[in-house]
Amino acid sequence: MAVAKVKRTGRQVKDPADAGRKYCLHPTPQQAERLGNWGHTCRAVWNVALEQRLYVYTQRRKNLRADEQCGYLTQARHDLEWIADLPSQVPQQVLRHLDQAYQNFWNPEHPAACASPSLERSSSG
């Protein structure tokens, strides 16, 4: 078991063997288009999930979580081909990231000053 080193700031430092690796991808034009479409789909899932949470909270004062929204996601995959094209784990992870964004927002001890989760915009570049 690797023992984590701690700097003076109190943060853990990973051993080089545990450090992440970076890879450079060179997709074909067709692969690049598909990856771009998946990115747009992930952004749409984030935005729809956030709008759904805001709507349910304002109408019923109920908080939705990722596990509840995964049921709606399953139905959407059957109804919408462009969501079904995305591997099923990816939109589930998007919902988990939205959960984490809300947890960070409501946690006063979170190190970053977090704003409430907001709609994602497409980049122009």
Foldseek 3Di string as FASTA:
>chain_A
DDDWDADPVRDTDDDPVPDDDDDDDDDDPVVVVVVVLLVVLLLVLLQVVVVVQVVCCVVPVDGDALVVCLVVLVVVLVVDVSSVSHPSVRSSVSRVVLVVLQVLCPDPPRPDNHDRDDRDDDDPD
